[in-house]
Amino acid sequence: MRNLVWHILFCVALAASAWASNKVDAEQVAKQHKASFHWFPVQKTFILAGETDTLKFAIGLPYVNSHGKSVELKQAPEIADGHILLDSADVANLYNAGNAQAAAVAPASSSALAKASSSSVKVAAPAPAKATASVATPKNETAGTREVKTIVIDPGHGGKDTGAQGKNSNEKDIVLAVGKLLKKELEKEGFKVKMTRDKDVFIELGERANLANQWDGDLFISLHCNAIDASPERKKQIKGYHVYVLRAPESEEDKAIARRENKVATLYGEKNAKEELSPLEWFKLEARLEKYKQNSYMFTEQMLKAFDDGKIKRQGGGVGGAGFMVLVGALMPAVLFEIGFISNPEEEAYMITNKAQADIAARISKAVSSYKDAVHNYRETLGR
């Protein structure tokens, strides 16, 4: 028996030694392949950004995001003695595959193009007129890169789902009232506006994003009221608005808020419902999030400006990120806006008034218009 135990331990040690001998430092890999190395300690992720591809890794997960796809690794990256280590075989496979793909799509050299243009062979490139025509067609561009025209408003909760409850009101009623007023404000500004609900009905979280996609929205705004379960004194202290984007949460507070908003899906038996995304699910979402993340932050910045002199002040920095399921399926820039704390007596008393709801709607509308202008200006710099 003792011999068997020693044999097993010897085999484990041998395997560990073999893995150790095949480890390479991620920062050295970056230097070797002329890529920049970026480490994100909160998310425990890192990237190697090269000329042809950006490789995204997560500590402990045997996957890498390459060319927008998740590729399985032989060994998960790990941290040892202050170094981030990768399997050398994985590195070789990734960069060999990357070089092959880059070669397949690499543009012809200037000398080759000159030779082609001097012969009878026509260069396979689109004519300038056609290129201009395709750019001018909105449907040929994805949300976040085209002009901002269609806004989707999502008043949270509804029907059997009251949302958070204050002393004198329900979250579902406040956000619906604000949503209706916001629709009117945006339509005055010339936007096409859609609402996931315009009455007191229950809509599943997954269906809300599906509707936004069907409507080909350019911006998705989910409206909510925040709340905490605490003593009366604590409830009086915690207040303020917060704008959330879809990203891996950086605090336990953000995680808790996302779990509360996501709980409705599990409570009412929604298919594939979950209160929190796993690290692997976050990792697989990364490629899709990159398309819209920058514009989501751009809109968030306009929201902060619009609400800076409002009655409800920022909670902390005013910006957060977490795995809100209502945002996961939206193929467009998207935010979840916690208008204020319904559990705070002062903010609840303010939010239930017609004056407050009109002011909040006007400020969101101002942020949307500013965001539209920012996207338009950016497009002009690109010659679109």
Protein backbone atom coordinates (compact mmCIF):
# COMPACT_ATOMS: atom_id res chain seq x y z
CA MET A 1 0.00 0.00 0.00
CA ARG A 2 2.81 2.36 0.96
CA ASN A 3 4.55 1.61 -2.35
CA LEU A 4 1.36 2.45 -4.25
CA VAL A 5 1.05 5.80 -2.46
CA TRP A 6 4.68 6.66 -3.21
CA HIS A 7 4.17 5.67 -6.85
CA ILE A 8 1.14 7.99 -7.15
CA LEU A 9 2.99 10.87 -5.50
CA PHE A 10 5.96 10.29 -7.81
CA CYS A 11 3.69 10.41 -10.88
CA VAL A 12 2.01 13.62 -9.68
CA ALA A 13 5.39 15.24 -9.01
CA LEU A 14 6.62 14.13 -12.44
CA ALA A 15 3.56 15.65 -14.13
CA ALA A 16 3.96 18.88 -12.17
CA SER A 17 7.62 19.03 -13.12
CA ALA A 18 6.77 18.53 -16.79
CA TRP A 19 4.17 21.32 -16.66
CA ALA A 20 6.62 23.59 -14.84
CA SER A 21 9.27 23.04 -17.49
CA ASN A 22 6.78 24.08 -20.18
CA LYS A 23 5.71 27.31 -18.50
CA VAL A 24 6.54 30.67 -20.04
CA ASP A 25 6.17 34.15 -18.60
CA ALA A 26 3.28 36.02 -20.27
CA GLU A 27 5.15 39.33 -20.25
CA GLN A 28 8.13 37.71 -21.99
CA VAL A 29 5.77 36.25 -24.58
CA ALA A 30 4.43 39.74 -25.23
CA LYS A 31 7.94 41.13 -25.76
CA GLN A 32 8.93 38.23 -28.00
CA HIS A 33 5.92 38.73 -30.27
CA LYS A 34 6.01 42.56 -30.17
CA ALA A 35 2.70 42.77 -28.31
CA SER A 36 1.71 44.99 -25.39
CA PHE A 37 0.87 43.31 -22.08
CA HIS A 38 -2.03 44.53 -19.90
CA TRP A 39 -3.02 43.03 -16.53
CA PHE A 40 -6.41 43.63 -14.87
CA PRO A 41 -6.06 42.50 -11.24
CA VAL A 42 -9.72 42.93 -10.24
CA GLN A 43 -11.03 40.66 -13.00
CA LYS A 44 -7.89 38.45 -12.90
CA THR A 45 -7.60 38.79 -16.67
CA PHE A 46 -4.81 39.92 -18.99
CA ILE A 47 -4.36 40.65 -22.69
CA LEU A 48 -1.53 40.45 -25.21
CA ALA A 49 -2.33 43.13 -27.80
CA GLY A 50 -0.51 42.58 -31.08
CA GLU A 51 -0.76 44.01 -34.58
CA THR A 52 -3.08 41.32 -35.96
CA ASP A 53 -4.97 40.11 -32.86
CA THR A 54 -5.58 40.77 -29.17
CA LEU A 55 -5.39 37.61 -27.07
CA LYS A 56 -7.49 37.72 -23.90
CA PHE A 57 -6.83 35.34 -21.01
CA ALA A 58 -8.28 34.74 -17.54
CA ILE A 59 -6.37 33.20 -14.66
CA GLY A 60 -7.62 29.67 -13.95
CA LEU A 61 -9.72 29.37 -17.12
CA PRO A 62 -8.43 27.10 -19.93
CA TYR A 63 -9.68 29.40 -22.70
CA VAL A 64 -8.35 32.33 -24.70
CA ASN A 65 -10.30 34.80 -26.80
CA SER A 66 -8.61 35.04 -30.22
CA HIS A 67 -10.04 36.76 -33.32
CA GLY A 68 -13.37 37.11 -31.49
CA LYS A 69 -13.69 33.40 -30.66
CA SER A 70 -13.08 31.34 -27.52
CA VAL A 71 -10.33 28.78 -28.06
CA GLU A 72 -9.61 25.98 -25.58
CA LEU A 73 -6.12 25.84 -24.04
CA LYS A 74 -4.13 22.81 -22.91
CA GLN A 75 -3.45 24.50 -19.58
CA ALA A 76 -5.11 27.40 -17.80
CA PRO A 77 -2.91 30.45 -17.11
CA GLU A 78 -1.73 30.69 -13.50
CA ILE A 79 0.11 33.06 -11.16
CA ALA A 80 3.31 31.88 -9.41
CA ASP A 81 5.94 33.96 -7.60
CA GLY A 82 4.48 37.16 -8.99
CA HIS A 83 4.58 35.97 -12.60
CA ILE A 84 1.73 35.09 -14.95
CA LEU A 85 2.55 31.79 -16.62
CA LEU A 86 1.30 30.21 -19.85
CA ASP A 87 1.86 26.80 -21.38
CA SER A 88 4.52 27.05 -24.11
CA ALA A 89 2.60 24.69 -26.41
CA ASP A 90 -0.49 26.92 -26.11
CA VAL A 91 1.59 29.98 -26.97
CA ALA A 92 3.10 28.25 -29.99
CA ASN A 93 -0.31 27.12 -31.25
CA LEU A 94 -1.86 30.57 -30.79
CA TYR A 95 0.86 32.52 -32.54
CA ASN A 96 1.30 30.01 -35.35
CA ALA A 97 -2.44 30.08 -35.98
CA GLY A 98 -2.46 33.86 -35.71
CA ASN A 99 0.38 34.26 -38.19
CA ALA A 100 -1.35 31.95 -40.65
CA GLN A 101 -4.61 33.89 -40.39
CA ALA A 102 -2.81 37.23 -40.74
CA ALA A 103 -0.98 35.98 -43.81
CA ALA A 104 -4.26 34.87 -45.34
CA VAL A 105 -5.79 38.32 -45.02
CA ALA A 106 -2.65 40.47 -45.29
CA PRO A 107 -2.90 43.27 -47.85
CA ALA A 108 -0.72 43.07 -50.93
CA SER A 109 2.55 45.00 -50.83
CA SER A 110 2.86 48.29 -52.67
CA SER A 111 5.12 46.71 -55.29
CA ALA A 112 2.63 43.92 -55.91
CA LEU A 113 -0.17 46.42 -56.30
CA ALA A 114 1.89 48.46 -58.73
CA LYS A 115 2.59 45.35 -60.78
CA ALA A 116 -1.07 44.40 -60.82
CA SER A 117 -2.19 47.87 -61.86
CA SER A 118 0.27 47.96 -64.77
CA SER A 119 -1.04 44.67 -66.17
CA SER A 120 -4.40 43.74 -67.60
CA VAL A 121 -5.44 42.13 -64.30
CA LYS A 122 -7.98 44.21 -62.34
CA VAL A 123 -7.35 44.73 -58.64
CA ALA A 124 -10.18 43.22 -56.56
CA ALA A 125 -11.13 46.37 -54.65
CA PRO A 126 -14.50 48.09 -54.36
CA ALA A 127 -15.06 51.21 -56.44
CA PRO A 128 -15.05 54.43 -54.39
CA ALA A 129 -18.65 55.25 -55.34
CA LYS A 130 -19.92 51.88 -54.10
CA ALA A 131 -17.95 52.20 -50.88
CA THR A 132 -19.57 55.57 -50.20
CA ALA A 133 -23.01 54.13 -50.93
CA SER A 134 -22.54 51.23 -48.48
CA VAL A 135 -21.40 53.58 -45.72
CA ALA A 136 -24.45 55.76 -46.26
CA THR A 137 -26.79 52.79 -45.72
CA PRO A 138 -27.48 52.56 -41.97
CA LYS A 139 -28.30 48.83 -42.01
CA ASN A 140 -24.78 48.03 -43.23
CA GLU A 141 -23.42 49.36 -39.93
CA THR A 142 -23.84 47.96 -36.45
CA ALA A 143 -25.28 49.77 -33.45
CA GLY A 144 -22.62 51.96 -31.88
CA THR A 145 -20.95 52.84 -35.18
CA ARG A 146 -23.90 54.33 -37.10
CA GLU A 147 -25.89 57.48 -36.46
CA VAL A 148 -28.07 57.27 -33.32
CA LYS A 149 -31.74 57.15 -34.31
CA THR A 150 -33.67 54.44 -32.42
CA ILE A 151 -33.79 54.45 -28.61
CA VAL A 152 -35.22 51.53 -26.63
CA ILE A 153 -36.56 52.38 -23.17
CA ASP A 154 -36.98 49.50 -20.72
CA PRO A 155 -39.00 50.36 -17.60
CA GLY A 156 -37.92 47.61 -15.21
CA HIS A 157 -40.20 45.05 -13.56
CA GLY A 158 -44.01 45.35 -14.07
CA GLY A 159 -47.17 43.34 -13.53
CA LYS A 160 -46.72 40.65 -10.89
CA ASP A 161 -43.14 41.85 -10.38
CA THR A 162 -43.37 45.03 -8.29
CA GLY A 163 -39.60 45.49 -8.05
CA ALA A 164 -38.27 47.20 -4.95
CA GLN A 165 -40.87 48.58 -2.57
CA GLY A 166 -40.71 51.86 -0.69
CA LYS A 167 -42.92 53.08 2.10
CA ASN A 168 -45.45 54.60 -0.30
CA SER A 169 -44.59 53.28 -3.76
CA ASN A 170 -43.36 50.46 -5.98
CA GLU A 171 -40.37 50.57 -8.29
CA LYS A 172 -42.39 49.35 -11.28
CA ASP A 173 -44.70 52.40 -11.13
CA ILE A 174 -41.99 55.04 -10.81
CA VAL A 175 -39.89 53.73 -13.71
CA LEU A 176 -42.93 53.33 -15.97
CA ALA A 177 -43.96 56.94 -15.34
CA VAL A 178 -40.42 58.16 -16.09
CA GLY A 179 -40.22 55.93 -19.17
CA LYS A 180 -43.41 57.37 -20.69
CA LEU A 181 -42.23 60.93 -20.12
CA LEU A 182 -38.81 60.10 -21.54
CA LYS A 183 -40.43 58.71 -24.69
CA LYS A 184 -42.25 62.02 -25.25
CA GLU A 185 -39.07 64.04 -24.65
CA LEU A 186 -37.04 61.94 -27.10
CA GLU A 187 -39.72 62.04 -29.77
CA LYS A 188 -39.65 65.85 -29.56
CA GLU A 189 -35.93 65.62 -30.37
CA GLY A 190 -36.66 63.52 -33.46
CA PHE A 191 -35.72 60.08 -32.16
CA LYS A 192 -37.62 56.91 -32.97
CA VAL A 193 -38.54 55.47 -29.57
CA LYS A 194 -39.64 51.99 -28.51
CA MET A 195 -40.66 50.80 -25.03
CA THR A 196 -40.40 47.22 -23.79
CA ARG A 197 -43.55 47.96 -21.80
CA ASP A 198 -45.86 50.99 -21.75
CA LYS A 199 -48.32 49.58 -19.22
CA ASP A 200 -48.28 47.57 -16.00
CA VAL A 201 -47.39 44.17 -17.51
CA PHE A 202 -44.70 41.60 -16.77
CA ILE A 203 -42.00 41.06 -19.43
CA GLU A 204 -39.27 38.47 -18.95
CA LEU A 205 -35.71 39.80 -18.72
CA GLY A 206 -34.52 37.86 -21.77
CA GLU A 207 -37.47 39.05 -23.84
CA ARG A 208 -36.63 42.72 -23.17
CA ALA A 209 -33.26 42.44 -24.91
CA ASN A 210 -34.82 40.39 -27.71
CA LEU A 211 -37.33 43.17 -28.37
CA ALA A 212 -34.54 45.76 -28.47
CA ASN A 213 -32.69 43.67 -31.04
CA GLN A 214 -35.82 43.16 -33.16
CA TRP A 215 -36.32 46.92 -33.21
CA ASP A 216 -32.68 47.36 -34.30
CA GLY A 217 -32.05 49.83 -31.49
CA ASP A 218 -29.06 52.14 -31.27
CA LEU A 219 -29.21 52.56 -27.49
CA PHE A 220 -30.87 50.52 -24.73
CA ILE A 221 -31.79 52.22 -21.42
CA SER A 222 -33.18 50.07 -18.61
CA LEU A 223 -34.79 52.14 -15.83
CA HIS A 224 -34.80 51.04 -12.18
CA CYS A 225 -34.91 52.25 -8.58
CA ASN A 226 -32.32 51.07 -6.08
CA ALA A 227 -32.98 49.72 -2.58
CA ILE A 228 -31.23 48.28 0.45
CA ASP A 229 -32.49 46.02 3.20
CA ALA A 230 -31.23 47.74 6.32
CA SER A 231 -32.19 49.58 9.48
CA PRO A 232 -34.26 52.79 9.17
CA GLU A 233 -31.19 54.87 10.03
CA ARG A 234 -29.08 53.14 7.40
CA LYS A 235 -31.80 53.62 4.80
CA LYS A 236 -31.72 57.36 5.45
CA GLN A 237 -27.97 57.43 4.80
CA ILE A 238 -27.79 55.43 1.56
CA LYS A 239 -28.99 57.41 -1.45
CA GLY A 240 -28.04 58.58 -4.94
CA TYR A 241 -28.28 57.57 -8.59
CA HIS A 242 -25.99 55.10 -10.36
CA VAL A 243 -25.43 54.25 -14.02
CA TYR A 244 -24.39 50.65 -14.71
CA VAL A 245 -22.83 49.07 -17.79
CA LEU A 246 -22.43 45.38 -18.52
CA ARG A 247 -19.01 44.34 -17.27
CA ALA A 248 -17.47 42.07 -14.67
CA PRO A 249 -18.36 43.57 -11.24
CA GLU A 250 -15.55 45.22 -9.30
CA SER A 251 -17.21 45.23 -5.88
CA GLU A 252 -19.44 43.08 -3.73
CA GLU A 253 -21.97 45.93 -3.71
CA ASP A 254 -22.27 45.85 -7.51
CA LYS A 255 -22.65 42.06 -7.41
CA ALA A 256 -25.44 42.36 -4.83
CA ILE A 257 -27.35 44.93 -6.91
CA ALA A 258 -27.11 42.73 -10.02
CA ARG A 259 -28.33 39.69 -8.05
CA ARG A 260 -31.33 41.68 -6.82
CA GLU A 261 -32.27 42.85 -10.32
CA ASN A 262 -31.67 39.37 -11.78
CA LYS A 263 -33.64 37.57 -9.07
CA VAL A 264 -36.92 38.16 -10.89
CA ALA A 265 -35.80 35.74 -13.62
CA THR A 266 -35.24 32.88 -11.18
CA LEU A 267 -38.27 33.84 -9.07
CA TYR A 268 -40.68 33.44 -11.98
CA GLY A 269 -38.98 30.44 -13.58
CA GLU A 270 -37.52 32.13 -16.64
CA LYS A 271 -35.64 29.73 -18.93
CA ASN A 272 -31.84 29.71 -18.40
CA ALA A 273 -32.31 32.16 -15.52
CA LYS A 274 -29.42 32.88 -13.16
CA GLU A 275 -28.63 35.53 -10.61
CA GLU A 276 -24.93 35.77 -11.41
CA LEU A 277 -22.64 35.04 -14.38
CA SER A 278 -19.74 32.65 -13.90
CA PRO A 279 -16.13 33.69 -14.71
CA LEU A 280 -16.25 31.49 -17.83
CA GLU A 281 -19.48 33.12 -19.01
CA TRP A 282 -17.94 36.55 -18.51
CA PHE A 283 -14.91 35.50 -20.50
CA LYS A 284 -17.01 34.27 -23.42
CA LEU A 285 -18.98 37.52 -23.38
CA GLU A 286 -15.84 39.65 -23.72
CA ALA A 287 -15.62 39.63 -27.53
CA ARG A 288 -19.25 40.75 -27.94
CA LEU A 289 -18.99 43.34 -25.20
CA GLU A 290 -16.01 44.99 -26.88
CA LYS A 291 -18.24 46.07 -29.78
CA TYR A 292 -20.47 48.20 -27.58
CA LYS A 293 -18.56 48.84 -24.35
CA GLN A 294 -16.89 52.08 -25.41
CA ASN A 295 -20.18 53.60 -26.56
CA SER A 296 -21.93 52.47 -23.38
CA TYR A 297 -19.30 54.39 -21.42
CA MET A 298 -19.66 57.36 -23.78
CA PHE A 299 -23.39 57.53 -23.00
CA THR A 300 -22.69 57.04 -19.28
CA GLU A 301 -20.43 60.09 -19.35
CA GLN A 302 -23.27 62.16 -20.82
CA MET A 303 -25.63 60.87 -18.12
CA LEU A 304 -23.26 62.06 -15.38
CA LYS A 305 -23.07 65.51 -16.96
CA ALA A 306 -26.86 65.74 -17.35
CA PHE A 307 -27.51 64.83 -13.70
CA ASP A 308 -24.67 66.78 -12.09
CA ASP A 309 -26.90 69.62 -10.87
CA GLY A 310 -29.99 67.49 -10.25
CA LYS A 311 -31.83 66.92 -7.00
CA ILE A 312 -30.58 63.32 -6.74
CA LYS A 313 -26.79 63.23 -6.50
CA ARG A 314 -24.35 60.53 -7.57
CA GLN A 315 -23.89 57.54 -5.33
CA GLY A 316 -20.10 57.30 -5.06
CA GLY A 317 -18.60 57.81 -8.51
CA GLY A 318 -21.98 57.31 -10.15
CA VAL A 319 -20.76 54.55 -12.46
CA GLY A 320 -20.60 50.80 -11.93
CA GLY A 321 -20.63 47.50 -13.76
CA ALA A 322 -22.17 44.11 -13.12
CA GLY A 323 -23.85 41.15 -14.79
CA PHE A 324 -27.35 42.48 -15.30
CA MET A 325 -29.18 39.81 -17.29
CA VAL A 326 -31.44 42.39 -18.96
CA LEU A 327 -28.33 43.87 -20.64
CA VAL A 328 -26.62 40.60 -21.60
CA GLY A 329 -28.60 39.96 -24.79
CA ALA A 330 -28.77 43.56 -26.06
CA LEU A 331 -26.72 43.87 -29.26
CA MET A 332 -26.17 47.62 -28.86
CA PRO A 333 -24.74 50.11 -26.35
CA ALA A 334 -26.74 49.64 -23.16
CA VAL A 335 -26.99 50.91 -19.58
CA LEU A 336 -29.06 50.17 -16.51
CA PHE A 337 -29.96 53.38 -14.66
CA GLU A 338 -30.79 53.23 -10.95
CA ILE A 339 -32.64 56.56 -10.63
CA GLY A 340 -32.37 56.72 -6.85
CA PHE A 341 -33.05 54.72 -3.68
CA ILE A 342 -36.71 53.94 -3.12
CA SER A 343 -35.66 52.69 0.33
CA ASN A 344 -34.49 56.21 1.20
CA PRO A 345 -37.53 58.19 2.50
CA GLU A 346 -36.30 61.50 1.07
CA GLU A 347 -35.54 60.16 -2.41
CA GLU A 348 -38.74 58.11 -2.54
CA ALA A 349 -40.82 61.17 -1.64
CA TYR A 350 -39.11 63.07 -4.46
CA MET A 351 -39.28 60.34 -7.13
CA ILE A 352 -43.04 59.82 -6.81
CA THR A 353 -43.82 63.45 -7.70
CA ASN A 354 -44.75 64.50 -11.24
CA LYS A 355 -42.17 67.29 -11.09
CA ALA A 356 -39.34 64.88 -10.27
CA GLN A 357 -40.34 62.36 -12.93
CA ALA A 358 -40.48 65.09 -15.59
CA ASP A 359 -37.08 66.42 -14.52
CA ILE A 360 -35.48 62.97 -14.58
CA ALA A 361 -36.91 62.24 -18.02
CA ALA A 362 -35.67 65.60 -19.36
CA ARG A 363 -32.16 64.96 -18.05
CA ILE A 364 -31.97 61.48 -19.62
CA SER A 365 -33.22 62.96 -22.90
CA LYS A 366 -30.49 65.61 -22.73
CA ALA A 367 -27.89 62.86 -22.22
CA VAL A 368 -29.22 60.92 -25.23
CA SER A 369 -29.04 64.02 -27.46
CA SER A 370 -25.48 64.76 -26.32
CA TYR A 371 -24.52 61.15 -26.95
CA LYS A 372 -26.01 61.33 -30.44
CA ASP A 373 -23.93 64.44 -31.17
CA ALA A 374 -20.77 62.77 -29.84
CA VAL A 375 -21.28 59.74 -32.10
CA HIS A 376 -21.98 62.01 -35.08
CA ASN A 377 -18.81 64.02 -34.46
CA TYR A 378 -16.75 60.86 -34.15
CA ARG A 379 -18.14 59.56 -37.44
CA GLU A 380 -17.23 62.83 -39.13
CA THR A 381 -13.60 62.47 -38.02
CA LEU A 382 -13.64 59.07 -39.77
CA GLY A 383 -15.03 60.63 -42.95
CA ARG A 384 -18.41 58.89 -42.70
